[in-house]
Amino acid sequence: MAYTYIDEDRALQQYRDEIDELHDIEICGMSFCASRILEELDPIAFNCGFSDWLDANELTTEEEEEEEDEEDEESEAE
């Protein structure tokens, strides 16, 4: 499986945007970004979800991993 490299800041923003599109958090009539609440209150769950999101979208924030995938595909083709 080939992973596509994405800048970590860009990937995190896309992940946050997806969470915020799917969930609204309202407390005492005030709205909050679900991604911010998750990241602040349970950073481990946020990071695990981010890792799962990267895998599900076949993305990587590590340039070396993308290069390794490309080398593996080339050696398999031979």
N, C-alpha and C. Protein backbone atom coordinates (compact mmCIF):
# COMPACT_ATOMS: atom_id res chain seq x y z
N MET A 1 0.85 -1.17 0.00
CA MET A 1 0.00 0.00 0.00
C MET A 1 0.90 1.23 0.00
N ALA A 2 0.66 2.13 -0.94
CA ALA A 2 1.47 3.34 -1.06
C ALA A 2 0.82 4.47 -0.27
N TYR A 3 1.64 5.12 0.53
CA TYR A 3 1.17 6.26 1.31
C TYR A 3 1.65 7.54 0.64
N THR A 4 0.83 8.56 0.71
CA THR A 4 1.14 9.86 0.14
C THR A 4 1.60 10.79 1.26
N TYR A 5 2.70 11.48 1.02
CA TYR A 5 3.21 12.41 2.02
C TYR A 5 2.32 13.64 2.10
N ILE A 6 2.08 14.10 3.34
CA ILE A 6 1.35 15.34 3.60
C ILE A 6 2.03 16.04 4.77
N ASP A 7 2.16 17.34 4.68
CA ASP A 7 2.73 18.13 5.76
C ASP A 7 1.89 17.91 7.03
N GLU A 8 2.55 17.72 8.16
CA GLU A 8 1.84 17.40 9.40
C GLU A 8 0.85 18.49 9.80
N ASP A 9 1.22 19.76 9.67
CA ASP A 9 0.30 20.85 10.03
C ASP A 9 -0.95 20.82 9.15
N ARG A 10 -0.75 20.58 7.88
CA ARG A 10 -1.89 20.50 6.95
C ARG A 10 -2.78 19.30 7.28
N ALA A 11 -2.14 18.17 7.58
CA ALA A 11 -2.89 16.96 7.92
C ALA A 11 -3.70 17.16 9.20
N LEU A 12 -3.08 17.75 10.21
CA LEU A 12 -3.79 18.01 11.47
C LEU A 12 -4.98 18.92 11.25
N GLN A 13 -4.82 19.94 10.41
CA GLN A 13 -5.94 20.85 10.14
C GLN A 13 -7.08 20.13 9.43
N GLN A 14 -6.74 19.27 8.47
CA GLN A 14 -7.77 18.51 7.77
C GLN A 14 -8.49 17.56 8.73
N TYR A 15 -7.74 16.93 9.62
CA TYR A 15 -8.32 16.03 10.62
C TYR A 15 -9.26 16.80 11.56
N ARG A 16 -8.80 17.95 12.03
CA ARG A 16 -9.64 18.79 12.90
C ARG A 16 -10.92 19.21 12.17
N ASP A 17 -10.77 19.61 10.91
CA ASP A 17 -11.93 20.04 10.13
C ASP A 17 -12.96 18.92 9.99
N GLU A 18 -12.49 17.69 9.75
CA GLU A 18 -13.42 16.56 9.63
C GLU A 18 -14.15 16.30 10.94
N ILE A 19 -13.44 16.35 12.05
CA ILE A 19 -14.08 16.15 13.36
C ILE A 19 -15.14 17.23 13.57
N ASP A 20 -14.78 18.47 13.28
CA ASP A 20 -15.70 19.58 13.51
C ASP A 20 -16.93 19.52 12.60
N GLU A 21 -16.76 18.99 11.38
CA GLU A 21 -17.89 18.84 10.47
C GLU A 21 -18.88 17.78 10.96
N LEU A 22 -18.37 16.77 11.63
CA LEU A 22 -19.21 15.64 12.07
C LEU A 22 -19.86 15.85 13.42
N HIS A 23 -19.26 16.67 14.27
CA HIS A 23 -19.74 16.79 15.64
C HIS A 23 -19.84 18.25 16.07
N ASP A 24 -20.95 18.57 16.72
CA ASP A 24 -21.13 19.88 17.36
C ASP A 24 -21.18 19.65 18.86
N ILE A 25 -20.47 20.46 19.59
CA ILE A 25 -20.47 20.36 21.05
C ILE A 25 -21.11 21.63 21.59
N GLU A 26 -22.15 21.45 22.35
CA GLU A 26 -22.83 22.59 22.95
C GLU A 26 -22.93 22.36 24.46
N ILE A 27 -22.46 23.33 25.21
CA ILE A 27 -22.51 23.27 26.67
C ILE A 27 -23.11 24.57 27.16
N CYS A 28 -24.22 24.46 27.89
CA CYS A 28 -24.91 25.63 28.44
C CYS A 28 -25.19 26.69 27.37
N GLY A 29 -25.56 26.22 26.18
CA GLY A 29 -25.93 27.13 25.11
C GLY A 29 -24.75 27.70 24.34
N MET A 30 -23.53 27.29 24.68
CA MET A 30 -22.34 27.79 23.96
C MET A 30 -21.79 26.66 23.10
N SER A 31 -21.40 27.00 21.87
CA SER A 31 -20.85 26.01 20.94
C SER A 31 -19.33 25.98 21.00
N PHE A 32 -18.79 24.77 20.89
CA PHE A 32 -17.33 24.57 20.92
C PHE A 32 -16.92 23.65 19.79
N CYS A 33 -15.69 23.80 19.32
CA CYS A 33 -15.13 22.92 18.30
C CYS A 33 -14.84 21.56 18.94
N ALA A 34 -15.42 20.52 18.36
CA ALA A 34 -15.24 19.18 18.90
C ALA A 34 -13.76 18.77 18.87
N SER A 35 -13.06 19.17 17.82
CA SER A 35 -11.64 18.79 17.72
C SER A 35 -10.82 19.42 18.84
N ARG A 36 -11.12 20.65 19.17
CA ARG A 36 -10.37 21.32 20.24
C ARG A 36 -10.66 20.67 21.59
N ILE A 37 -11.92 20.34 21.83
CA ILE A 37 -12.27 19.70 23.09
C ILE A 37 -11.57 18.35 23.21
N LEU A 38 -11.61 17.55 22.13
CA LEU A 38 -10.95 16.25 22.17
C LEU A 38 -9.46 16.40 22.37
N GLU A 39 -8.84 17.31 21.65
CA GLU A 39 -7.39 17.51 21.75
C GLU A 39 -6.98 17.99 23.14
N GLU A 40 -7.78 18.85 23.74
CA GLU A 40 -7.45 19.40 25.07
C GLU A 40 -7.73 18.40 26.20
N LEU A 41 -8.89 17.72 26.12
CA LEU A 41 -9.30 16.86 27.23
C LEU A 41 -8.75 15.44 27.15
N ASP A 42 -8.49 14.95 25.94
CA ASP A 42 -7.96 13.60 25.79
C ASP A 42 -6.97 13.57 24.62
N PRO A 43 -5.78 14.12 24.85
CA PRO A 43 -4.81 14.19 23.76
C PRO A 43 -4.38 12.82 23.23
N ILE A 44 -4.42 11.80 24.07
CA ILE A 44 -4.05 10.46 23.61
C ILE A 44 -5.08 9.97 22.59
N ALA A 45 -6.36 10.12 22.89
CA ALA A 45 -7.42 9.71 21.96
C ALA A 45 -7.33 10.54 20.67
N PHE A 46 -7.03 11.82 20.79
CA PHE A 46 -6.89 12.68 19.62
C PHE A 46 -5.76 12.17 18.73
N ASN A 47 -4.61 11.88 19.32
CA ASN A 47 -3.45 11.41 18.56
C ASN A 47 -3.69 10.03 17.95
N CYS A 48 -4.34 9.14 18.68
CA CYS A 48 -4.68 7.82 18.13
C CYS A 48 -5.64 7.97 16.95
N GLY A 49 -6.63 8.82 17.10
CA GLY A 49 -7.57 9.07 16.02
C GLY A 49 -6.88 9.67 14.81
N PHE A 50 -5.93 10.56 15.05
CA PHE A 50 -5.18 11.17 13.95
C PHE A 50 -4.38 10.12 13.20
N SER A 51 -3.73 9.24 13.94
CA SER A 51 -2.97 8.16 13.33
C SER A 51 -3.87 7.25 12.50
N ASP A 52 -5.03 6.90 13.06
CA ASP A 52 -5.99 6.07 12.34
C ASP A 52 -6.50 6.79 11.08
N TRP A 53 -6.74 8.09 11.20
CA TRP A 53 -7.21 8.89 10.07
C TRP A 53 -6.17 8.91 8.96
N LEU A 54 -4.89 9.07 9.33
CA LEU A 54 -3.82 9.04 8.33
C LEU A 54 -3.83 7.71 7.59
N ASP A 55 -3.89 6.61 8.35
CA ASP A 55 -3.89 5.28 7.73
C ASP A 55 -5.09 5.08 6.83
N ALA A 56 -6.26 5.47 7.29
CA ALA A 56 -7.49 5.29 6.50
C ALA A 56 -7.44 6.06 5.19
N ASN A 57 -6.73 7.18 5.20
CA ASN A 57 -6.61 8.02 4.00
C ASN A 57 -5.32 7.77 3.23
N GLU A 58 -4.56 6.75 3.67
CA GLU A 58 -3.29 6.38 3.06
C GLU A 58 -2.35 7.58 2.94
N LEU A 59 -2.20 8.28 4.08
CA LEU A 59 -1.33 9.45 4.17
C LEU A 59 -0.24 9.20 5.19
N THR A 60 0.87 9.90 5.03
CA THR A 60 1.96 9.85 6.00
C THR A 60 2.52 11.25 6.18
N THR A 61 2.97 11.53 7.38
CA THR A 61 3.62 12.81 7.66
C THR A 61 5.13 12.64 7.69
N GLU A 62 5.60 11.44 7.35
CA GLU A 62 7.03 11.15 7.33
C GLU A 62 7.47 10.93 5.89
N GLU A 63 8.34 11.80 5.40
CA GLU A 63 8.79 11.70 4.01
C GLU A 63 9.50 10.38 3.75
N GLU A 64 10.22 9.86 4.73
CA GLU A 64 10.96 8.61 4.56
C GLU A 64 10.00 7.45 4.30
N GLU A 65 8.84 7.45 4.95
CA GLU A 65 7.89 6.36 4.79
C GLU A 65 7.35 6.33 3.36
N GLU A 66 7.10 7.50 2.79
CA GLU A 66 6.64 7.56 1.40
C GLU A 66 7.71 7.01 0.47
N GLU A 67 8.97 7.38 0.72
CA GLU A 67 10.06 6.90 -0.12
C GLU A 67 10.22 5.39 0.00
N GLU A 68 10.09 4.83 1.21
CA GLU A 68 10.19 3.39 1.41
C GLU A 68 9.09 2.67 0.65
N ASP A 69 7.87 3.20 0.67
CA ASP A 69 6.76 2.60 -0.05
C ASP A 69 7.04 2.57 -1.55
N GLU A 70 7.60 3.66 -2.07
CA GLU A 70 7.91 3.73 -3.50
C GLU A 70 8.98 2.71 -3.85
N GLU A 71 10.00 2.55 -2.99
CA GLU A 71 11.07 1.58 -3.25
C GLU A 71 10.50 0.16 -3.20
N ASP A 72 9.61 -0.13 -2.25
CA ASP A 72 9.00 -1.45 -2.16
C ASP A 72 8.20 -1.77 -3.41
N GLU A 73 7.46 -0.81 -3.93
CA GLU A 73 6.66 -1.02 -5.13
C GLU A 73 7.56 -1.28 -6.33
N GLU A 74 8.70 -0.56 -6.42
CA GLU A 74 9.62 -0.76 -7.53
C GLU A 74 10.25 -2.14 -7.48
N SER A 75 10.63 -2.60 -6.28
CA SER A 75 11.26 -3.92 -6.16
C SER A 75 10.24 -5.03 -6.43
N GLU A 76 8.99 -4.84 -6.09
CA GLU A 76 7.96 -5.83 -6.37
C GLU A 76 7.67 -5.93 -7.86
N ALA A 77 7.83 -4.82 -8.58
CA ALA A 77 7.55 -4.80 -10.01
C ALA A 77 8.62 -5.56 -10.80
N GLU A 78 9.81 -5.69 -10.23
CA GLU A 78 10.93 -6.34 -10.94
C GLU A 78 10.79 -7.81 -10.97
